[in-house]
Amino acid sequence: MSNPVAAATGNVTNQAVQFQNNGAPSRQHYGSGVSCNGSTMTFSPFYMGNHTVPFDENMNQRTYTIAENWGGQINFMFPLDRRGLAQCRRIAARQEEKMRLDYELVRVLKCAELQRKGFMLAEGTRVFDMCNDVVPIVQYEKNKKAAVKQYLKKECTPKKKKFLWSEQEYECPTKPTDKT
C-alpha cells in the first residue's frame, strides 16, 4: 500500500515604491500673490528591506531570508510656456522694485520722525548710516547755497555790476570738453 505525502512551503514578498511628485515644479514667491514656476530637478532615493524568519508548523525556525532593494529616481521638470514665465519674472521684478521703494519711503519717514523729535542714531552702531541721507530741505538749500558761494569765491572772478541793486555775477573758467 502506498501512502504518498507531499508538502510544499513558499514565501512571497510583494514590495512597491511609489513616488508622489505630482509634476509640481518649483515656485518662487515674490509676495502679494506673485509666484513663478521654475525648472526643477529632483532625486528620490529609496531602500526597501525585508528580513524574514520563517517557521514551520511546529514553530521551529527553518531559514533566515534577507531581501534588500536600493534605488533612486531622477525627475526633470520645466515650464513649457516661456512667454508666461518671462512675464511672471517681469512682474516679480516690478514687485521687487515696489518693495524696495516702500522700504526707502518708510525709512525716510521714520528717520524724519526721529529728527523732528530730536533724536538720531548713535555713532558707531551698525545702523548709524541709515539716516545720514535724510536732511531737511531748508538745511539742504542752505548747504547748497554756501557751497556755490564758496566755489564762486574760490574759482571765479566777479564781474562789474551793472546796477547797485543787481546780484553779483561771476566769470568762471570753463572746463575743457573732450571732443574725441
C-alpha atoms as a PDB file:
ATOM      1  CA  MET A   1       0.000   0.000   0.000  1.00  0.00           C
ATOM      2  CA  SER A   2       1.330   3.360  -0.900  1.00  0.00           C
ATOM      3  CA  ASN A   3       0.776   6.456   1.089  1.00  0.00           C
ATOM      4  CA  PRO A   4       2.285   9.372  -0.878  1.00  0.00           C
ATOM      5  CA  VAL A   5       2.742  12.589   1.069  1.00  0.00           C
ATOM      6  CA  ALA A   6       3.754  15.898  -0.487  1.00  0.00           C
ATOM      7  CA  ALA A   7       4.478  19.107   1.348  1.00  0.00           C
ATOM      8  CA  ALA A   8       5.295  22.490  -0.128  1.00  0.00           C
ATOM      9  CA  THR A   9       6.147  25.783   1.529  1.00  0.00           C
ATOM     10  CA  GLY A  10       6.599  29.127  -0.120  1.00  0.00           C
ATOM     11  CA  ASN A  11       7.364  32.720   0.650  1.00  0.00           C
ATOM     12  CA  VAL A  12       6.287  35.668  -1.458  1.00  0.00           C
ATOM     13  CA  THR A  13       7.436  39.229  -0.840  1.00  0.00           C
ATOM     14  CA  ASN A  14       5.497  41.893  -2.673  1.00  0.00           C
ATOM     15  CA  GLN A  15       7.073  45.352  -2.485  1.00  0.00           C
ATOM     16  CA  ALA A  16       6.418  48.574  -4.356  1.00  0.00           C
ATOM     17  CA  VAL A  17       7.842  52.078  -4.449  1.00  0.00           C
ATOM     18  CA  GLN A  18       5.550  54.977  -5.195  1.00  0.00           C
ATOM     19  CA  PHE A  19       6.825  58.468  -5.979  1.00  0.00           C
ATOM     20  CA  GLN A  20       4.394  61.320  -5.406  1.00  0.00           C
ATOM     21  CA  ASN A  21       5.755  64.341  -7.183  1.00  0.00           C
ATOM     22  CA  ASN A  22       2.515  65.299  -8.946  1.00  0.00           C
ATOM     23  CA  GLY A  23       4.570  67.101 -11.578  1.00  0.00           C
ATOM     24  CA  ALA A  24       4.784  70.191  -9.399  1.00  0.00           C
ATOM     25  CA  PRO A  25       7.655  72.435 -10.488  1.00  0.00           C
ATOM     26  CA  SER A  26       9.408  74.690  -8.023  1.00  0.00           C
ATOM     27  CA  ARG A  27       7.792  78.000  -7.221  1.00  0.00           C
ATOM     28  CA  GLN A  28       9.495  81.247  -6.292  1.00  0.00           C
ATOM     29  CA  HIS A  29       7.209  83.520  -4.280  1.00  0.00           C
ATOM     30  CA  TYR A  30       7.668  87.288  -4.544  1.00  0.00           C
ATOM     31  CA  GLY A  31       4.869  88.459  -2.250  1.00  0.00           C
ATOM     32  CA  SER A  32       1.405  89.849  -2.993  1.00  0.00           C
ATOM     33  CA  GLY A  33       0.305  86.755  -4.903  1.00  0.00           C
ATOM     34  CA  VAL A  34       3.221  86.772  -7.366  1.00  0.00           C
ATOM     35  CA  SER A  35       4.763  83.332  -7.757  1.00  0.00           C
ATOM     36  CA  CYS A  36       6.592  81.972 -10.787  1.00  0.00           C
ATOM     37  CA  ASN A  37       7.184  78.355 -11.755  1.00  0.00           C
ATOM     38  CA  GLY A  38      10.747  77.370 -12.445  1.00  0.00           C
ATOM     39  CA  SER A  39      12.678  74.382 -13.681  1.00  0.00           C
ATOM     40  CA  THR A  40      13.228  71.587 -11.181  1.00  0.00           C
ATOM     41  CA  MET A  41      15.409  68.536 -10.840  1.00  0.00           C
ATOM     42  CA  THR A  42      14.582  66.101  -8.056  1.00  0.00           C
ATOM     43  CA  PHE A  43      16.349  62.967  -6.893  1.00  0.00           C
ATOM     44  CA  SER A  44      14.444  60.491  -4.738  1.00  0.00           C
ATOM     45  CA  PRO A  45      16.484  57.638  -3.285  1.00  0.00           C
ATOM     46  CA  PHE A  46      14.763  54.603  -1.772  1.00  0.00           C
ATOM     47  CA  TYR A  47      15.533  51.484   0.232  1.00  0.00           C
ATOM     48  CA  MET A  48      13.276  48.521   0.809  1.00  0.00           C
ATOM     49  CA  GLY A  49      14.395  45.786   3.140  1.00  0.00           C
ATOM     50  CA  ASN A  50      12.732  42.593   4.208  1.00  0.00           C
ATOM     51  CA  HIS A  51      14.226  40.300   6.823  1.00  0.00           C
ATOM     52  CA  THR A  52      12.161  37.133   7.215  1.00  0.00           C
ATOM     53  CA  VAL A  53      12.436  34.321   9.743  1.00  0.00           C
ATOM     54  CA  PRO A  54      10.057  31.594   8.531  1.00  0.00           C
ATOM     55  CA  PHE A  55       8.792  28.940  10.969  1.00  0.00           C
ATOM     56  CA  ASP A  56       7.321  25.553  10.244  1.00  0.00           C
ATOM     57  CA  GLU A  57       4.050  24.193  11.634  1.00  0.00           C
ATOM     58  CA  ASN A  58       5.797  23.300  14.913  1.00  0.00           C
ATOM     59  CA  MET A  59       7.221  26.836  15.227  1.00  0.00           C
ATOM     60  CA  ASN A  60      10.753  25.679  14.535  1.00  0.00           C
ATOM     61  CA  GLN A  61      12.983  28.172  12.725  1.00  0.00           C
ATOM     62  CA  ARG A  62      13.964  26.889   9.318  1.00  0.00           C
ATOM     63  CA  THR A  63      15.833  29.648   7.463  1.00  0.00           C
ATOM     64  CA  TYR A  64      16.612  33.325   7.562  1.00  0.00           C
ATOM     65  CA  THR A  65      15.869  35.349   4.412  1.00  0.00           C
ATOM     66  CA  ILE A  66      17.139  38.832   3.613  1.00  0.00           C
ATOM     67  CA  ALA A  67      15.734  40.781   0.666  1.00  0.00           C
ATOM     68  CA  GLU A  68      17.110  44.301   0.112  1.00  0.00           C
ATOM     69  CA  ASN A  69      16.380  46.682  -2.734  1.00  0.00           C
ATOM     70  CA  TRP A  70      18.072  50.027  -3.291  1.00  0.00           C
ATOM     71  CA  GLY A  71      17.388  52.569  -5.969  1.00  0.00           C
ATOM     72  CA  GLY A  72      16.515  56.088  -6.938  1.00  0.00           C
ATOM     73  CA  GLN A  73      14.518  58.193  -9.334  1.00  0.00           C
ATOM     74  CA  ILE A  74      15.574  61.427 -11.047  1.00  0.00           C
ATOM     75  CA  ASN A  75      12.917  63.827 -12.384  1.00  0.00           C
ATOM     76  CA  PHE A  76      13.449  66.863 -14.620  1.00  0.00           C
ATOM     77  CA  MET A  77      10.572  69.310 -14.938  1.00  0.00           C
ATOM     78  CA  PHE A  78      10.429  72.625 -16.746  1.00  0.00           C
ATOM     79  CA  PRO A  79       7.629  75.009 -17.720  1.00  0.00           C
ATOM     80  CA  LEU A  80       6.699  74.846 -21.393  1.00  0.00           C
ATOM     81  CA  ASP A  81       5.225  78.370 -21.618  1.00  0.00           C
ATOM     82  CA  ARG A  82       8.348  80.531 -21.779  1.00  0.00           C
ATOM     83  CA  ARG A  83       6.403  83.748 -22.503  1.00  0.00           C
ATOM     84  CA  GLY A  84       4.268  83.290 -19.399  1.00  0.00           C
ATOM     85  CA  LEU A  85       7.376  82.621 -17.322  1.00  0.00           C
ATOM     86  CA  ALA A  86       9.114  85.718 -18.733  1.00  0.00           C
ATOM     87  CA  GLN A  87       6.037  87.845 -17.973  1.00  0.00           C
ATOM     88  CA  CYS A  88       5.858  86.456 -14.447  1.00  0.00           C
ATOM     89  CA  ARG A  89       9.510  87.329 -13.883  1.00  0.00           C
ATOM     90  CA  ARG A  90       8.930  90.891 -15.184  1.00  0.00           C
ATOM     91  CA  ILE A  91       6.003  91.266 -12.768  1.00  0.00           C
ATOM     92  CA  ALA A  92       8.201  89.877  -9.986  1.00  0.00           C
ATOM     93  CA  ALA A  93      10.920  92.442 -10.831  1.00  0.00           C
ATOM     94  CA  ARG A  94       8.352  95.271 -10.605  1.00  0.00           C
ATOM     95  CA  GLN A  95       7.111  93.826  -7.312  1.00  0.00           C
ATOM     96  CA  GLU A  96      10.686  93.840  -6.007  1.00  0.00           C
ATOM     97  CA  GLU A  97      11.147  97.473  -7.128  1.00  0.00           C
ATOM     98  CA  LYS A  98       7.912  98.423  -5.366  1.00  0.00           C
ATOM     99  CA  MET A  99       9.024  96.663  -2.192  1.00  0.00           C
ATOM    100  CA  ARG A 100      12.386  98.488  -2.342  1.00  0.00           C
ATOM    101  CA  LEU A 101      10.627 101.833  -2.855  1.00  0.00           C
ATOM    102  CA  ASP A 102       8.257 101.110   0.047  1.00  0.00           C
ATOM    103  CA  TYR A 103      11.250 100.264   2.253  1.00  0.00           C
ATOM    104  CA  GLU A 104      13.071 103.504   1.336  1.00  0.00           C
ATOM    105  CA  LEU A 105       9.986 105.681   1.834  1.00  0.00           C
ATOM    106  CA  VAL A 106       9.252 104.167   5.238  1.00  0.00           C
ATOM    107  CA  ARG A 107      12.936 104.545   6.180  1.00  0.00           C
ATOM    108  CA  VAL A 108      12.909 108.247   5.216  1.00  0.00           C
ATOM    109  CA  LEU A 109       9.605 108.853   7.054  1.00  0.00           C
ATOM    110  CA  LYS A 110      10.858 107.174  10.236  1.00  0.00           C
ATOM    111  CA  CYS A 111      14.216 108.978  10.089  1.00  0.00           C
ATOM    112  CA  ALA A 112      12.477 112.343   9.623  1.00  0.00           C
ATOM    113  CA  GLU A 113      10.174 111.498  12.527  1.00  0.00           C
ATOM    114  CA  LEU A 114      13.192 110.731  14.731  1.00  0.00           C
ATOM    115  CA  GLN A 115      14.856 114.008  13.708  1.00  0.00           C
ATOM    116  CA  ARG A 116      11.678 116.032  14.396  1.00  0.00           C
ATOM    117  CA  LYS A 117      11.577 114.538  17.884  1.00  0.00           C
ATOM    118  CA  GLY A 118      15.218 115.480  18.432  1.00  0.00           C
ATOM    119  CA  PHE A 119      16.719 112.004  18.170  1.00  0.00           C
ATOM    120  CA  MET A 120      19.415 110.460  15.998  1.00  0.00           C
ATOM    121  CA  LEU A 121      21.045 107.068  15.596  1.00  0.00           C
ATOM    122  CA  ALA A 122      24.194 106.743  17.705  1.00  0.00           C
ATOM    123  CA  GLU A 123      27.598 106.853  16.015  1.00  0.00           C
ATOM    124  CA  GLY A 124      29.455 103.577  15.924  1.00  0.00           C
ATOM    125  CA  THR A 125      26.295 101.462  15.734  1.00  0.00           C
ATOM    126  CA  ARG A 126      25.538  99.243  12.754  1.00  0.00           C
ATOM    127  CA  VAL A 127      22.554 101.449  11.799  1.00  0.00           C
ATOM    128  CA  PHE A 128      24.243 104.836  12.235  1.00  0.00           C
ATOM    129  CA  ASP A 129      24.414 105.480   8.462  1.00  0.00           C
ATOM    130  CA  MET A 130      20.760 104.578   7.953  1.00  0.00           C
ATOM    131  CA  CYS A 131      19.501 108.153   8.326  1.00  0.00           C
ATOM    132  CA  ASN A 132      22.566 110.125   7.142  1.00  0.00           C
ATOM    133  CA  ASP A 133      20.993 110.918   3.766  1.00  0.00           C
ATOM    134  CA  VAL A 134      17.764 112.284   5.279  1.00  0.00           C
ATOM    135  CA  VAL A 135      18.092 116.059   5.669  1.00  0.00           C
ATOM    136  CA  PRO A 136      15.504 118.838   5.907  1.00  0.00           C
ATOM    137  CA  ILE A 137      15.017 120.807   2.663  1.00  0.00           C
ATOM    138  CA  VAL A 138      15.914 124.086   4.402  1.00  0.00           C
ATOM    139  CA  GLN A 139      19.248 122.650   5.518  1.00  0.00           C
ATOM    140  CA  TYR A 140      19.908 121.205   2.044  1.00  0.00           C
ATOM    141  CA  GLU A 141      19.247 124.551   0.329  1.00  0.00           C
ATOM    142  CA  LYS A 142      21.397 126.399   2.886  1.00  0.00           C
ATOM    143  CA  ASN A 143      24.303 123.971   2.396  1.00  0.00           C
ATOM    144  CA  LYS A 144      23.981 124.174  -1.387  1.00  0.00           C
ATOM    145  CA  LYS A 145      23.989 127.989  -1.328  1.00  0.00           C
ATOM    146  CA  ALA A 146      27.072 128.001   0.890  1.00  0.00           C
ATOM    147  CA  ALA A 147      28.858 125.535  -1.417  1.00  0.00           C
ATOM    148  CA  VAL A 148      28.040 127.610  -4.527  1.00  0.00           C
ATOM    149  CA  LYS A 149      29.169 130.801  -2.788  1.00  0.00           C
ATOM    150  CA  GLN A 150      32.444 129.160  -1.738  1.00  0.00           C
ATOM    151  CA  TYR A 151      33.017 127.863  -5.280  1.00  0.00           C
ATOM    152  CA  LEU A 152      32.376 131.274  -6.836  1.00  0.00           C
ATOM    153  CA  LYS A 153      34.702 132.975  -4.355  1.00  0.00           C
ATOM    154  CA  LYS A 154      37.472 130.405  -4.864  1.00  0.00           C
ATOM    155  CA  GLU A 155      37.296 129.624  -8.605  1.00  0.00           C
ATOM    156  CA  CYS A 156      35.666 132.639 -10.295  1.00  0.00           C
ATOM    157  CA  THR A 157      36.240 136.375 -10.685  1.00  0.00           C
ATOM    158  CA  PRO A 158      33.447 138.874 -10.022  1.00  0.00           C
ATOM    159  CA  LYS A 159      32.057 140.820 -12.998  1.00  0.00           C
ATOM    160  CA  LYS A 160      31.424 144.515 -12.765  1.00  0.00           C
ATOM    161  CA  LYS A 161      27.876 145.165 -11.528  1.00  0.00           C
ATOM    162  CA  LYS A 162      25.549 146.884 -13.978  1.00  0.00           C
ATOM    163  CA  PHE A 163      23.336 148.196 -11.198  1.00  0.00           C
ATOM    164  CA  LEU A 164      23.944 148.544  -7.485  1.00  0.00           C
ATOM    165  CA  TRP A 165      20.851 146.540  -6.612  1.00  0.00           C
ATOM    166  CA  SER A 166      21.598 143.675  -9.008  1.00  0.00           C
ATOM    167  CA  GLU A 167      23.040 140.411  -7.796  1.00  0.00           C
ATOM    168  CA  GLN A 168      26.758 139.878  -8.232  1.00  0.00           C
ATOM    169  CA  GLU A 169      27.690 137.945 -11.377  1.00  0.00           C
ATOM    170  CA  TYR A 170      30.881 135.944 -11.824  1.00  0.00           C
ATOM    171  CA  GLU A 171      33.161 134.919 -14.674  1.00  0.00           C
ATOM    172  CA  CYS A 172      34.107 131.283 -14.130  1.00  0.00           C
ATOM    173  CA  PRO A 173      36.673 129.254 -16.031  1.00  0.00           C
ATOM    174  CA  THR A 174      35.175 126.774 -18.431  1.00  0.00           C
ATOM    175  CA  LYS A 175      36.381 123.265 -18.219  1.00  0.00           C
ATOM    176  CA  PRO A 176      37.799 121.915 -21.481  1.00  0.00           C
ATOM    177  CA  THR A 177      35.481 119.432 -23.141  1.00  0.00           C
ATOM    178  CA  ASP A 178      36.762 116.197 -24.568  1.00  0.00           C
ATOM    179  CA  LYS A 179      35.922 116.177 -28.288  1.00  0.00           C
ATOM    180  CA  THR A 180      37.379 112.779 -29.172  1.00  0.00           C
END
